[in-house]
Amino acid sequence: GRTVLPAEAYLRWDNDQGAYTRSIAMPGGVVRDGGPAAYGMKIINASV
């Protein structure tokens, strides 16, 4: 229970070739008692 992990944001579309293409945004954080907190986000995009 020392993390914060909200739901991801998901966006998908088909590119000009009709290929599955998407973007996912993943925010999160680590919060330890007595230690430094860390927060950030990964944005990972892909096309097959």
All heavy atoms as atom14 arrays in JSON, in Angstrom:
{
  "sequence": "GRTVLPAEAYLRWDNDQGAYTRSIAMPGGVVRDGGPAAYGMKIINASV",
  "atom14_mask": [
    [1, 1, 1, 1, 0, 0, 0, 0, 0, 0, 0, 0, 0, 0],
    [1, 1, 1, 1, 1, 1, 1, 1, 1, 1, 1, 0, 0, 0],
    [1, 1, 1, 1, 1, 1, 1, 0, 0, 0, 0, 0, 0, 0],
    [1, 1, 1, 1, 1, 1, 1, 0, 0, 0, 0, 0, 0, 0],
    [1, 1, 1, 1, 1, 1, 1, 1, 0, 0, 0, 0, 0, 0],
    [1, 1, 1, 1, 1, 1, 1, 0, 0, 0, 0, 0, 0, 0],
    [1, 1, 1, 1, 1, 0, 0, 0, 0, 0, 0, 0, 0, 0],
    [1, 1, 1, 1, 1, 1, 1, 1, 1, 0, 0, 0, 0, 0],
    [1, 1, 1, 1, 1, 0, 0, 0, 0, 0, 0, 0, 0, 0],
    [1, 1, 1, 1, 1, 1, 1, 1, 1, 1, 1, 1, 0, 0],
    [1, 1, 1, 1, 1, 1, 1, 1, 0, 0, 0, 0, 0, 0],
    [1, 1, 1, 1, 1, 1, 1, 1, 1, 1, 1, 0, 0, 0],
    [1, 1, 1, 1, 1, 1, 1, 1, 1, 1, 1, 1, 1, 1],
    [1, 1, 1, 1, 1, 1, 1, 1, 0, 0, 0, 0, 0, 0],
    [1, 1, 1, 1, 1, 1, 1, 1, 0, 0, 0, 0, 0, 0],
    [1, 1, 1, 1, 1, 1, 1, 1, 0, 0, 0, 0, 0, 0],
    [1, 1, 1, 1, 1, 1, 1, 1, 1, 0, 0, 0, 0, 0],
    [1, 1, 1, 1, 0, 0, 0, 0, 0, 0, 0, 0, 0, 0],
    [1, 1, 1, 1, 1, 0, 0, 0, 0, 0, 0, 0, 0, 0],
    [1, 1, 1, 1, 1, 1, 1, 1, 1, 1, 1, 1, 0, 0],
    [1, 1, 1, 1, 1, 1, 1, 0, 0, 0, 0, 0, 0, 0],
    [1, 1, 1, 1, 1, 1, 1, 1, 1, 1, 1, 0, 0, 0],
    [1, 1, 1, 1, 1, 1, 0, 0, 0, 0, 0, 0, 0, 0],
    [1, 1, 1, 1, 1, 1, 1, 1, 0, 0, 0, 0, 0, 0],
    [1, 1, 1, 1, 1, 0, 0, 0, 0, 0, 0, 0, 0, 0],
    [1, 1, 1, 1, 1, 1, 1, 1, 0, 0, 0, 0, 0, 0],
    [1, 1, 1, 1, 1, 1, 1, 0, 0, 0, 0, 0, 0, 0],
    [1, 1, 1, 1, 0, 0, 0, 0, 0, 0, 0, 0, 0, 0],
    [1, 1, 1, 1, 0, 0, 0, 0, 0, 0, 0, 0, 0, 0],
    [1, 1, 1, 1, 1, 1, 1, 0, 0, 0, 0, 0, 0, 0],
    [1, 1, 1, 1, 1, 1, 1, 0, 0, 0, 0, 0, 0, 0],
    [1, 1, 1, 1, 1, 1, 1, 1, 1, 1, 1, 0, 0, 0],
    [1, 1, 1, 1, 1, 1, 1, 1, 0, 0, 0, 0, 0, 0],
    [1, 1, 1, 1, 0, 0, 0, 0, 0, 0, 0, 0, 0, 0],
    [1, 1, 1, 1, 0, 0, 0, 0, 0, 0, 0, 0, 0, 0],
    [1, 1, 1, 1, 1, 1, 1, 0, 0, 0, 0, 0, 0, 0],
    [1, 1, 1, 1, 1, 0, 0, 0, 0, 0, 0, 0, 0, 0],
    [1, 1, 1, 1, 1, 0, 0, 0, 0, 0, 0, 0, 0, 0],
    [1, 1, 1, 1, 1, 1, 1, 1, 1, 1, 1, 1, 0, 0],
    [1, 1, 1, 1, 0, 0, 0, 0, 0, 0, 0, 0, 0, 0],
    [1, 1, 1, 1, 1, 1, 1, 1, 0, 0, 0, 0, 0, 0],
    [1, 1, 1, 1, 1, 1, 1, 1, 1, 0, 0, 0, 0, 0],
    [1, 1, 1, 1, 1, 1, 1, 1, 0, 0, 0, 0, 0, 0],
    [1, 1, 1, 1, 1, 1, 1, 1, 0, 0, 0, 0, 0, 0],
    [1, 1, 1, 1, 1, 1, 1, 1, 0, 0, 0, 0, 0, 0],
    [1, 1, 1, 1, 1, 0, 0, 0, 0, 0, 0, 0, 0, 0],
    [1, 1, 1, 1, 1, 1, 0, 0, 0, 0, 0, 0, 0, 0],
    [1, 1, 1, 1, 1, 1, 1, 0, 0, 0, 0, 0, 0, 0]
  ],
  "atom14_positions": [
    [[0.79, -1.22, 0.0], [0.0, 0.0, 0.0], [0.82, 1.27, 0.0], [0.29, 2.34, 0.34], [0.0, 0.0, 0.0], [0.0, 0.0, 0.0], [0.0, 0.0, 0.0], [0.0, 0.0, 0.0], [0.0, 0.0, 0.0], [0.0, 0.0, 0.0], [0.0, 0.0, 0.0], [0.0, 0.0, 0.0], [0.0, 0.0, 0.0], [0.0, 0.0, 0.0]],
    [[2.07, 1.18, -0.4], [2.93, 2.37, -0.41], [3.01, 3.02, -1.8], [3.94, 3.77, -2.08], [4.33, 2.0, 0.09], [4.37, 1.56, 1.55], [5.79, 1.39, 2.04], [6.43, 0.23, 1.49], [6.48, -0.98, 2.07], [5.86, -1.16, 3.23], [7.12, -1.99, 1.52], [0.0, 0.0, 0.0], [0.0, 0.0, 0.0], [0.0, 0.0, 0.0]],
    [[2.06, 2.72, -2.67], [2.06, 3.3, -4.01], [0.72, 3.95, -4.3], [-0.29, 3.66, -3.66], [2.33, 2.22, -5.08], [1.26, 1.26, -5.07], [3.66, 1.53, -4.85], [0.0, 0.0, 0.0], [0.0, 0.0, 0.0], [0.0, 0.0, 0.0], [0.0, 0.0, 0.0], [0.0, 0.0, 0.0], [0.0, 0.0, 0.0], [0.0, 0.0, 0.0]],
    [[0.75, 4.84, -5.28], [-0.46, 5.45, -5.82], [-0.49, 5.08, -7.3], [0.44, 5.41, -8.05], [-0.44, 6.98, -5.66], [-1.72, 7.58, -6.21], [-0.25, 7.37, -4.2], [0.0, 0.0, 0.0], [0.0, 0.0, 0.0], [0.0, 0.0, 0.0], [0.0, 0.0, 0.0], [0.0, 0.0, 0.0], [0.0, 0.0, 0.0], [0.0, 0.0, 0.0]],
    [[-1.52, 4.38, -7.74], [-1.57, 3.89, -9.11], [-2.96, 4.12, -9.69], [-3.81, 3.23, -9.69], [-1.21, 2.4, -9.14], [-0.72, 1.84, -10.47], [0.55, 2.54, -10.92], [-0.47, 0.34, -10.36], [0.0, 0.0, 0.0], [0.0, 0.0, 0.0], [0.0, 0.0, 0.0], [0.0, 0.0, 0.0], [0.0, 0.0, 0.0], [0.0, 0.0, 0.0]],
    [[-3.23, 5.32, -10.21], [-4.56, 5.6, -10.8], [-4.77, 4.8, -12.08], [-3.85, 4.2, -12.64], [-4.49, 7.1, -11.1], [-3.31, 7.62, -10.35], [-2.36, 6.49, -10.23], [0.0, 0.0, 0.0], [0.0, 0.0, 0.0], [0.0, 0.0, 0.0], [0.0, 0.0, 0.0], [0.0, 0.0, 0.0], [0.0, 0.0, 0.0], [0.0, 0.0, 0.0]],
    [[-6.0, 4.82, -12.54], [-6.32, 4.16, -13.8], [-5.56, 4.81, -14.95], [-5.32, 6.03, -14.95], [-7.82, 4.22, -14.06], [0.0, 0.0, 0.0], [0.0, 0.0, 0.0], [0.0, 0.0, 0.0], [0.0, 0.0, 0.0], [0.0, 0.0, 0.0], [0.0, 0.0, 0.0], [0.0, 0.0, 0.0], [0.0, 0.0, 0.0], [0.0, 0.0, 0.0]],
    [[-5.17, 4.01, -15.93], [-4.45, 4.54, -17.07], [-5.42, 5.2, -18.05], [-6.62, 4.89, -18.07], [-3.68, 3.43, -17.78], [-4.57, 2.36, -18.38], [-3.79, 1.18, -18.93], [-2.72, 0.87, -18.39], [-4.28, 0.57, -19.9], [0.0, 0.0, 0.0], [0.0, 0.0, 0.0], [0.0, 0.0, 0.0], [0.0, 0.0, 0.0], [0.0, 0.0, 0.0]],
    [[-4.91, 6.12, -18.86], [-5.67, 6.71, -19.96], [-5.27, 6.0, -21.24], [-4.08, 5.82, -21.51], [-5.38, 8.21, -20.06], [0.0, 0.0, 0.0], [0.0, 0.0, 0.0], [0.0, 0.0, 0.0], [0.0, 0.0, 0.0], [0.0, 0.0, 0.0], [0.0, 0.0, 0.0], [0.0, 0.0, 0.0], [0.0, 0.0, 0.0], [0.0, 0.0, 0.0]],
    [[-6.27, 5.59, -22.02], [-6.02, 4.76, -23.21], [-6.69, 5.4, -24.42], [-7.88, 5.72, -24.38], [-6.58, 3.36, -22.96], [-6.58, 2.44, -24.16], [-5.4, 1.81, -24.57], [-7.75, 2.19, -24.88], [-5.41, 0.95, -25.66], [-7.76, 1.34, -25.96], [-6.59, 0.72, -26.35], [-6.59, -0.12, -27.44], [0.0, 0.0, 0.0], [0.0, 0.0, 0.0]],
    [[-5.91, 5.63, -25.47], [-6.41, 6.19, -26.72], [-5.97, 5.27, -27.85], [-4.78, 4.98, -27.98], [-5.84, 7.6, -26.92], [-6.11, 8.27, -28.28], [-7.59, 8.56, -28.45], [-5.29, 9.55, -28.41], [0.0, 0.0, 0.0], [0.0, 0.0, 0.0], [0.0, 0.0, 0.0], [0.0, 0.0, 0.0], [0.0, 0.0, 0.0], [0.0, 0.0, 0.0]],
    [[-6.9, 4.84, -28.68], [-6.54, 3.97, -29.81], [-7.12, 4.53, -31.1], [-8.12, 5.25, -31.11], [-7.02, 2.54, -29.59], [-8.51, 2.29, -29.71], [-8.78, 0.93, -30.32], [-8.35, 0.88, -31.71], [-8.21, -0.24, -32.42], [-8.44, -1.41, -31.87], [-7.83, -0.21, -33.69], [0.0, 0.0, 0.0], [0.0, 0.0, 0.0], [0.0, 0.0, 0.0]],
    [[-6.45, 4.2, -32.2], [-6.93, 4.56, -33.52], [-6.27, 3.63, -34.54], [-5.34, 2.88, -34.2], [-6.63, 6.02, -33.84], [-5.18, 6.38, -33.97], [-4.43, 6.45, -35.11], [-4.28, 6.74, -32.9], [-3.14, 6.82, -34.83], [-3.02, 7.02, -33.48], [-4.43, 6.87, -31.51], [-1.91, 7.4, -32.73], [-3.34, 7.25, -30.77], [-2.09, 7.52, -31.36]],
    [[-6.74, 3.66, -35.76], [-6.11, 2.94, -36.86], [-5.36, 3.95, -37.72], [-5.91, 5.01, -38.08], [-7.15, 2.22, -37.71], [-7.82, 1.08, -36.95], [-7.2, 0.56, -36.01], [-8.96, 0.72, -37.3], [0.0, 0.0, 0.0], [0.0, 0.0, 0.0], [0.0, 0.0, 0.0], [0.0, 0.0, 0.0], [0.0, 0.0, 0.0], [0.0, 0.0, 0.0]],
    [[-4.1, 3.65, -38.05], [-3.34, 4.59, -38.87], [-3.72, 4.43, -40.35], [-4.66, 3.69, -40.69], [-1.83, 4.42, -38.64], [-1.3, 3.07, -39.1], [-1.97, 2.33, -39.82], [-0.09, 2.74, -38.68], [0.0, 0.0, 0.0], [0.0, 0.0, 0.0], [0.0, 0.0, 0.0], [0.0, 0.0, 0.0], [0.0, 0.0, 0.0], [0.0, 0.0, 0.0]],
    [[-3.01, 5.12, -41.23], [-3.36, 5.11, -42.65], [-3.25, 3.72, -43.27], [-3.83, 3.47, -44.33], [-2.48, 6.09, -43.43], [-2.79, 7.54, -43.11], [-3.86, 7.78, -42.53], [-1.95, 8.42, -43.43], [0.0, 0.0, 0.0], [0.0, 0.0, 0.0], [0.0, 0.0, 0.0], [0.0, 0.0, 0.0], [0.0, 0.0, 0.0], [0.0, 0.0, 0.0]],
    [[-2.49, 2.83, -42.63], [-2.37, 1.47, -43.12], [-3.43, 0.55, -42.53], [-3.42, -0.65, -42.79], [-0.98, 0.92, -42.79], [0.15, 1.74, -43.38], [1.51, 1.24, -42.93], [1.79, 0.04, -43.0], [2.35, 2.14, -42.44], [0.0, 0.0, 0.0], [0.0, 0.0, 0.0], [0.0, 0.0, 0.0], [0.0, 0.0, 0.0], [0.0, 0.0, 0.0]],
    [[-4.3, 1.12, -41.7], [-5.32, 0.31, -41.05], [-4.79, -0.48, -39.87], [-5.46, -1.39, -39.38], [0.0, 0.0, 0.0], [0.0, 0.0, 0.0], [0.0, 0.0, 0.0], [0.0, 0.0, 0.0], [0.0, 0.0, 0.0], [0.0, 0.0, 0.0], [0.0, 0.0, 0.0], [0.0, 0.0, 0.0], [0.0, 0.0, 0.0], [0.0, 0.0, 0.0]],
    [[-3.6, -0.13, -39.38], [-2.96, -0.87, -38.28], [-3.39, -0.31, -36.93], [-3.55, 0.91, -36.76], [-1.45, -0.8, -38.42], [0.0, 0.0, 0.0], [0.0, 0.0, 0.0], [0.0, 0.0, 0.0], [0.0, 0.0, 0.0], [0.0, 0.0, 0.0], [0.0, 0.0, 0.0], [0.0, 0.0, 0.0], [0.0, 0.0, 0.0], [0.0, 0.0, 0.0]],
    [[-3.54, -1.21, -35.99], [-3.87, -0.84, -34.62], [-2.77, 0.07, -34.06], [-1.59, -0.26, -34.09], [-3.99, -2.09, -33.76], [-3.98, -1.84, -32.26], [-5.08, -1.31, -31.62], [-2.85, -2.15, -31.51], [-5.07, -1.1, -30.25], [-2.82, -1.94, -30.14], [-3.93, -1.41, -29.52], [-3.91, -1.19, -28.16], [0.0, 0.0, 0.0], [0.0, 0.0, 0.0]],
    [[-3.17, 1.22, -33.55], [-2.24, 2.22, -33.04], [-2.82, 2.77, -31.75], [-4.04, 2.95, -31.65], [-2.05, 3.34, -34.07], [-1.68, 2.77, -35.33], [-0.99, 4.33, -33.65], [0.0, 0.0, 0.0], [0.0, 0.0, 0.0], [0.0, 0.0, 0.0], [0.0, 0.0, 0.0], [0.0, 0.0, 0.0], [0.0, 0.0, 0.0], [0.0, 0.0, 0.0]],
    [[-1.99, 3.02, -30.75], [-2.54, 3.47, -29.46], [-1.53, 4.29, -28.67], [-0.33, 4.25, -28.91], [-3.03, 2.28, -28.64], [-2.01, 1.16, -28.39], [-1.09, 1.42, -27.24], [-0.28, 0.27, -26.87], [0.86, 0.35, -26.21], [1.35, 1.51, -25.88], [1.54, -0.75, -25.9], [0.0, 0.0, 0.0], [0.0, 0.0, 0.0], [0.0, 0.0, 0.0]],
    [[-2.09, 5.01, -27.68], [-1.29, 5.75, -26.71], [-1.85, 5.45, -25.33], [-3.06, 5.47, -25.12], [-1.37, 7.25, -26.99], [-0.66, 7.99, -26.0], [0.0, 0.0, 0.0], [0.0, 0.0, 0.0], [0.0, 0.0, 0.0], [0.0, 0.0, 0.0], [0.0, 0.0, 0.0], [0.0, 0.0, 0.0], [0.0, 0.0, 0.0], [0.0, 0.0, 0.0]],
    [[-0.95, 5.15, -24.39], [-1.36, 4.86, -23.02], [-0.57, 5.78, -22.08], [0.66, 5.86, -22.18], [-1.11, 3.39, -22.64], [-1.85, 2.46, -23.6], [-1.56, 3.12, -21.21], [-1.6, 0.98, -23.34], [0.0, 0.0, 0.0], [0.0, 0.0, 0.0], [0.0, 0.0, 0.0], [0.0, 0.0, 0.0], [0.0, 0.0, 0.0], [0.0, 0.0, 0.0]],
    [[-1.27, 6.45, -21.19], [-0.64, 7.3, -20.17], [-0.83, 6.64, -18.81], [-1.95, 6.32, -18.43], [-1.24, 8.69, -20.18], [0.0, 0.0, 0.0], [0.0, 0.0, 0.0], [0.0, 0.0, 0.0], [0.0, 0.0, 0.0], [0.0, 0.0, 0.0], [0.0, 0.0, 0.0], [0.0, 0.0, 0.0], [0.0, 0.0, 0.0], [0.0, 0.0, 0.0]],
    [[0.26, 6.43, -18.09], [0.25, 5.68, -16.84], [0.88, 6.51, -15.72], [2.09, 6.52, -15.55], [1.03, 4.38, -17.0], [0.57, 3.49, -18.13], [1.64, 2.05, -18.3], [0.9, 1.25, -19.72], [0.0, 0.0, 0.0], [0.0, 0.0, 0.0], [0.0, 0.0, 0.0], [0.0, 0.0, 0.0], [0.0, 0.0, 0.0], [0.0, 0.0, 0.0]],
    [[0.08, 7.22, -14.93], [0.63, 7.96, -13.79], [0.83, 7.05, -12.59], [0.18, 6.0, -12.47], [-0.45, 9.01, -13.52], [-1.72, 8.33, -13.94], [-1.36, 7.44, -15.1], [0.0, 0.0, 0.0], [0.0, 0.0, 0.0], [0.0, 0.0, 0.0], [0.0, 0.0, 0.0], [0.0, 0.0, 0.0], [0.0, 0.0, 0.0], [0.0, 0.0, 0.0]],
    [[1.73, 7.42, -11.7], [1.93, 6.63, -10.5], [2.86, 7.3, -9.53], [3.53, 8.29, -9.85], [0.0, 0.0, 0.0], [0.0, 0.0, 0.0], [0.0, 0.0, 0.0], [0.0, 0.0, 0.0], [0.0, 0.0, 0.0], [0.0, 0.0, 0.0], [0.0, 0.0, 0.0], [0.0, 0.0, 0.0], [0.0, 0.0, 0.0], [0.0, 0.0, 0.0]],
    [[2.89, 6.78, -8.32], [3.77, 7.32, -7.3], [4.12, 6.28, -6.26], [3.41, 5.28, -6.1], [0.0, 0.0, 0.0], [0.0, 0.0, 0.0], [0.0, 0.0, 0.0], [0.0, 0.0, 0.0], [0.0, 0.0, 0.0], [0.0, 0.0, 0.0], [0.0, 0.0, 0.0], [0.0, 0.0, 0.0], [0.0, 0.0, 0.0], [0.0, 0.0, 0.0]],
    [[5.24, 6.48, -5.58], [5.68, 5.64, -4.47], [5.84, 6.55, -3.26], [6.56, 7.55, -3.33], [6.99, 4.91, -4.77], [7.43, 4.07, -3.58], [6.85, 4.03, -6.02], [0.0, 0.0, 0.0], [0.0, 0.0, 0.0], [0.0, 0.0, 0.0], [0.0, 0.0, 0.0], [0.0, 0.0, 0.0], [0.0, 0.0, 0.0], [0.0, 0.0, 0.0]],
    [[5.16, 6.23, -2.18], [5.18, 7.05, -0.97], [5.53, 6.16, 0.21], [4.7, 5.38, 0.67], [3.82, 7.74, -0.74], [3.91, 8.68, 0.45], [3.37, 8.48, -1.99], [0.0, 0.0, 0.0], [0.0, 0.0, 0.0], [0.0, 0.0, 0.0], [0.0, 0.0, 0.0], [0.0, 0.0, 0.0], [0.0, 0.0, 0.0], [0.0, 0.0, 0.0]],
    [[6.77, 6.26, 0.69], [7.21, 5.44, 1.81], [7.23, 6.26, 3.09], [7.61, 7.43, 3.09], [8.62, 4.89, 1.56], [8.71, 3.97, 0.36], [10.07, 3.27, 0.36], [10.21, 2.38, -0.78], [10.87, 2.7, -1.88], [11.45, 3.87, -1.98], [10.97, 1.84, -2.87], [0.0, 0.0, 0.0], [0.0, 0.0, 0.0], [0.0, 0.0, 0.0]],
    [[6.82, 5.66, 4.19], [6.86, 6.34, 5.48], [8.3, 6.73, 5.82], [9.2, 5.89, 5.85], [6.31, 5.42, 6.58], [4.83, 5.14, 6.41], [4.17, 5.94, 5.73], [4.34, 4.11, 6.93], [0.0, 0.0, 0.0], [0.0, 0.0, 0.0], [0.0, 0.0, 0.0], [0.0, 0.0, 0.0], [0.0, 0.0, 0.0], [0.0, 0.0, 0.0]],
    [[8.51, 8.02, 6.07], [9.83, 8.48, 6.46], [10.82, 8.6, 5.33], [11.97, 8.98, 5.55], [0.0, 0.0, 0.0], [0.0, 0.0, 0.0], [0.0, 0.0, 0.0], [0.0, 0.0, 0.0], [0.0, 0.0, 0.0], [0.0, 0.0, 0.0], [0.0, 0.0, 0.0], [0.0, 0.0, 0.0], [0.0, 0.0, 0.0], [0.0, 0.0, 0.0]],
    [[10.4, 8.26, 4.11], [11.32, 8.33, 2.97], [10.82, 9.29, 1.92], [9.69, 9.78, 1.99], [0.0, 0.0, 0.0], [0.0, 0.0, 0.0], [0.0, 0.0, 0.0], [0.0, 0.0, 0.0], [0.0, 0.0, 0.0], [0.0, 0.0, 0.0], [0.0, 0.0, 0.0], [0.0, 0.0, 0.0], [0.0, 0.0, 0.0], [0.0, 0.0, 0.0]],
    [[11.64, 9.59, 0.93], [11.23, 10.53, -0.11], [10.15, 9.93, -1.0], [10.16, 8.73, -1.31], [12.53, 10.77, -0.89], [13.34, 9.53, -0.67], [13.0, 9.07, 0.73], [0.0, 0.0, 0.0], [0.0, 0.0, 0.0], [0.0, 0.0, 0.0], [0.0, 0.0, 0.0], [0.0, 0.0, 0.0], [0.0, 0.0, 0.0], [0.0, 0.0, 0.0]],
    [[9.2, 10.75, -1.4], [8.15, 10.32, -2.32], [8.63, 10.52, -3.76], [9.49, 11.36, -4.04], [6.87, 11.11, -2.07], [0.0, 0.0, 0.0], [0.0, 0.0, 0.0], [0.0, 0.0, 0.0], [0.0, 0.0, 0.0], [0.0, 0.0, 0.0], [0.0, 0.0, 0.0], [0.0, 0.0, 0.0], [0.0, 0.0, 0.0], [0.0, 0.0, 0.0]],
    [[8.09, 9.74, -4.66], [8.42, 9.85, -6.08], [7.14, 9.76, -6.89], [6.31, 8.87, -6.66], [9.4, 8.75, -6.49], [0.0, 0.0, 0.0], [0.0, 0.0, 0.0], [0.0, 0.0, 0.0], [0.0, 0.0, 0.0], [0.0, 0.0, 0.0], [0.0, 0.0, 0.0], [0.0, 0.0, 0.0], [0.0, 0.0, 0.0], [0.0, 0.0, 0.0]],
    [[6.97, 10.69, -7.83], [5.79, 10.72, -8.67], [6.21, 10.89, -10.12], [7.22, 11.53, -10.42], [4.86, 11.88, -8.27], [4.4, 11.83, -6.84], [5.08, 12.54, -5.86], [3.3, 11.06, -6.47], [4.66, 12.5, -4.54], [2.88, 11.01, -5.15], [3.57, 11.73, -4.18], [3.17, 11.69, -2.87], [0.0, 0.0, 0.0], [0.0, 0.0, 0.0]],
    [[5.4, 10.33, -11.03], [5.73, 10.47, -12.43], [4.67, 9.87, -13.32], [3.6, 9.46, -12.86], [0.0, 0.0, 0.0], [0.0, 0.0, 0.0], [0.0, 0.0, 0.0], [0.0, 0.0, 0.0], [0.0, 0.0, 0.0], [0.0, 0.0, 0.0], [0.0, 0.0, 0.0], [0.0, 0.0, 0.0], [0.0, 0.0, 0.0], [0.0, 0.0, 0.0]],
    [[4.98, 9.8, -14.59], [4.05, 9.24, -15.57], [4.83, 8.65, -16.73], [5.85, 9.2, -17.15], [3.09, 10.32, -16.09], [2.11, 9.83, -17.13], [1.04, 11.15, -17.79], [0.1, 11.56, -16.32], [0.0, 0.0, 0.0], [0.0, 0.0, 0.0], [0.0, 0.0, 0.0], [0.0, 0.0, 0.0], [0.0, 0.0, 0.0], [0.0, 0.0, 0.0]],
    [[4.32, 7.54, -17.23], [4.85, 6.96, -18.47], [3.83, 7.14, -19.57], [2.65, 6.83, -19.38], [5.17, 5.46, -18.29], [5.69, 4.82, -19.58], [6.15, 3.38, -19.35], [5.0, 2.41, -19.33], [5.47, 1.0, -19.38], [0.0, 0.0, 0.0], [0.0, 0.0, 0.0], [0.0, 0.0, 0.0], [0.0, 0.0, 0.0], [0.0, 0.0, 0.0]],
    [[4.27, 7.66, -20.7], [3.43, 7.75, -21.89], [4.06, 6.83, -22.93], [5.18, 7.09, -23.38], [3.33, 9.18, -22.42], [2.76, 10.1, -21.33], [2.47, 9.23, -23.68], [2.77, 11.57, -21.72], [0.0, 0.0, 0.0], [0.0, 0.0, 0.0], [0.0, 0.0, 0.0], [0.0, 0.0, 0.0], [0.0, 0.0, 0.0], [0.0, 0.0, 0.0]],
    [[3.37, 5.76, -23.26], [3.94, 4.76, -24.16], [2.99, 4.58, -25.35], [1.82, 4.27, -25.18], [4.19, 3.42, -23.42], [4.99, 2.45, -24.29], [2.91, 2.81, -22.89], [6.46, 2.75, -24.33], [0.0, 0.0, 0.0], [0.0, 0.0, 0.0], [0.0, 0.0, 0.0], [0.0, 0.0, 0.0], [0.0, 0.0, 0.0], [0.0, 0.0, 0.0]],
    [[3.49, 4.86, -26.54], [2.7, 4.79, -27.77], [3.2, 3.63, -28.62], [4.39, 3.28, -28.57], [2.8, 6.09, -28.55], [2.2, 7.26, -27.8], [1.68, 7.12, -26.69], [2.25, 8.44, -28.41], [0.0, 0.0, 0.0], [0.0, 0.0, 0.0], [0.0, 0.0, 0.0], [0.0, 0.0, 0.0], [0.0, 0.0, 0.0], [0.0, 0.0, 0.0]],
    [[2.31, 3.07, -29.44], [2.71, 1.93, -30.26], [1.82, 1.8, -31.48], [0.66, 2.24, -31.47], [2.64, 0.64, -29.44], [0.0, 0.0, 0.0], [0.0, 0.0, 0.0], [0.0, 0.0, 0.0], [0.0, 0.0, 0.0], [0.0, 0.0, 0.0], [0.0, 0.0, 0.0], [0.0, 0.0, 0.0], [0.0, 0.0, 0.0], [0.0, 0.0, 0.0]],
    [[2.38, 1.2, -32.51], [1.62, 0.81, -33.69], [2.16, -0.51, -34.18], [3.38, -0.69, -34.26], [1.72, 1.86, -34.8], [1.0, 1.43, -35.95], [0.0, 0.0, 0.0], [0.0, 0.0, 0.0], [0.0, 0.0, 0.0], [0.0, 0.0, 0.0], [0.0, 0.0, 0.0], [0.0, 0.0, 0.0], [0.0, 0.0, 0.0], [0.0, 0.0, 0.0]],
    [[1.26, -1.43, -34.51], [1.73, -2.75, -34.93], [2.39, -2.72, -36.31], [3.06, -3.68, -36.69], [0.56, -3.77, -34.94], [0.01, -3.97, -33.55], [-0.55, -3.33, -35.9], [0.0, 0.0, 0.0], [0.0, 0.0, 0.0], [0.0, 0.0, 0.0], [0.0, 0.0, 0.0], [0.0, 0.0, 0.0], [0.0, 0.0, 0.0], [0.0, 0.0, 0.0]]
  ]
}
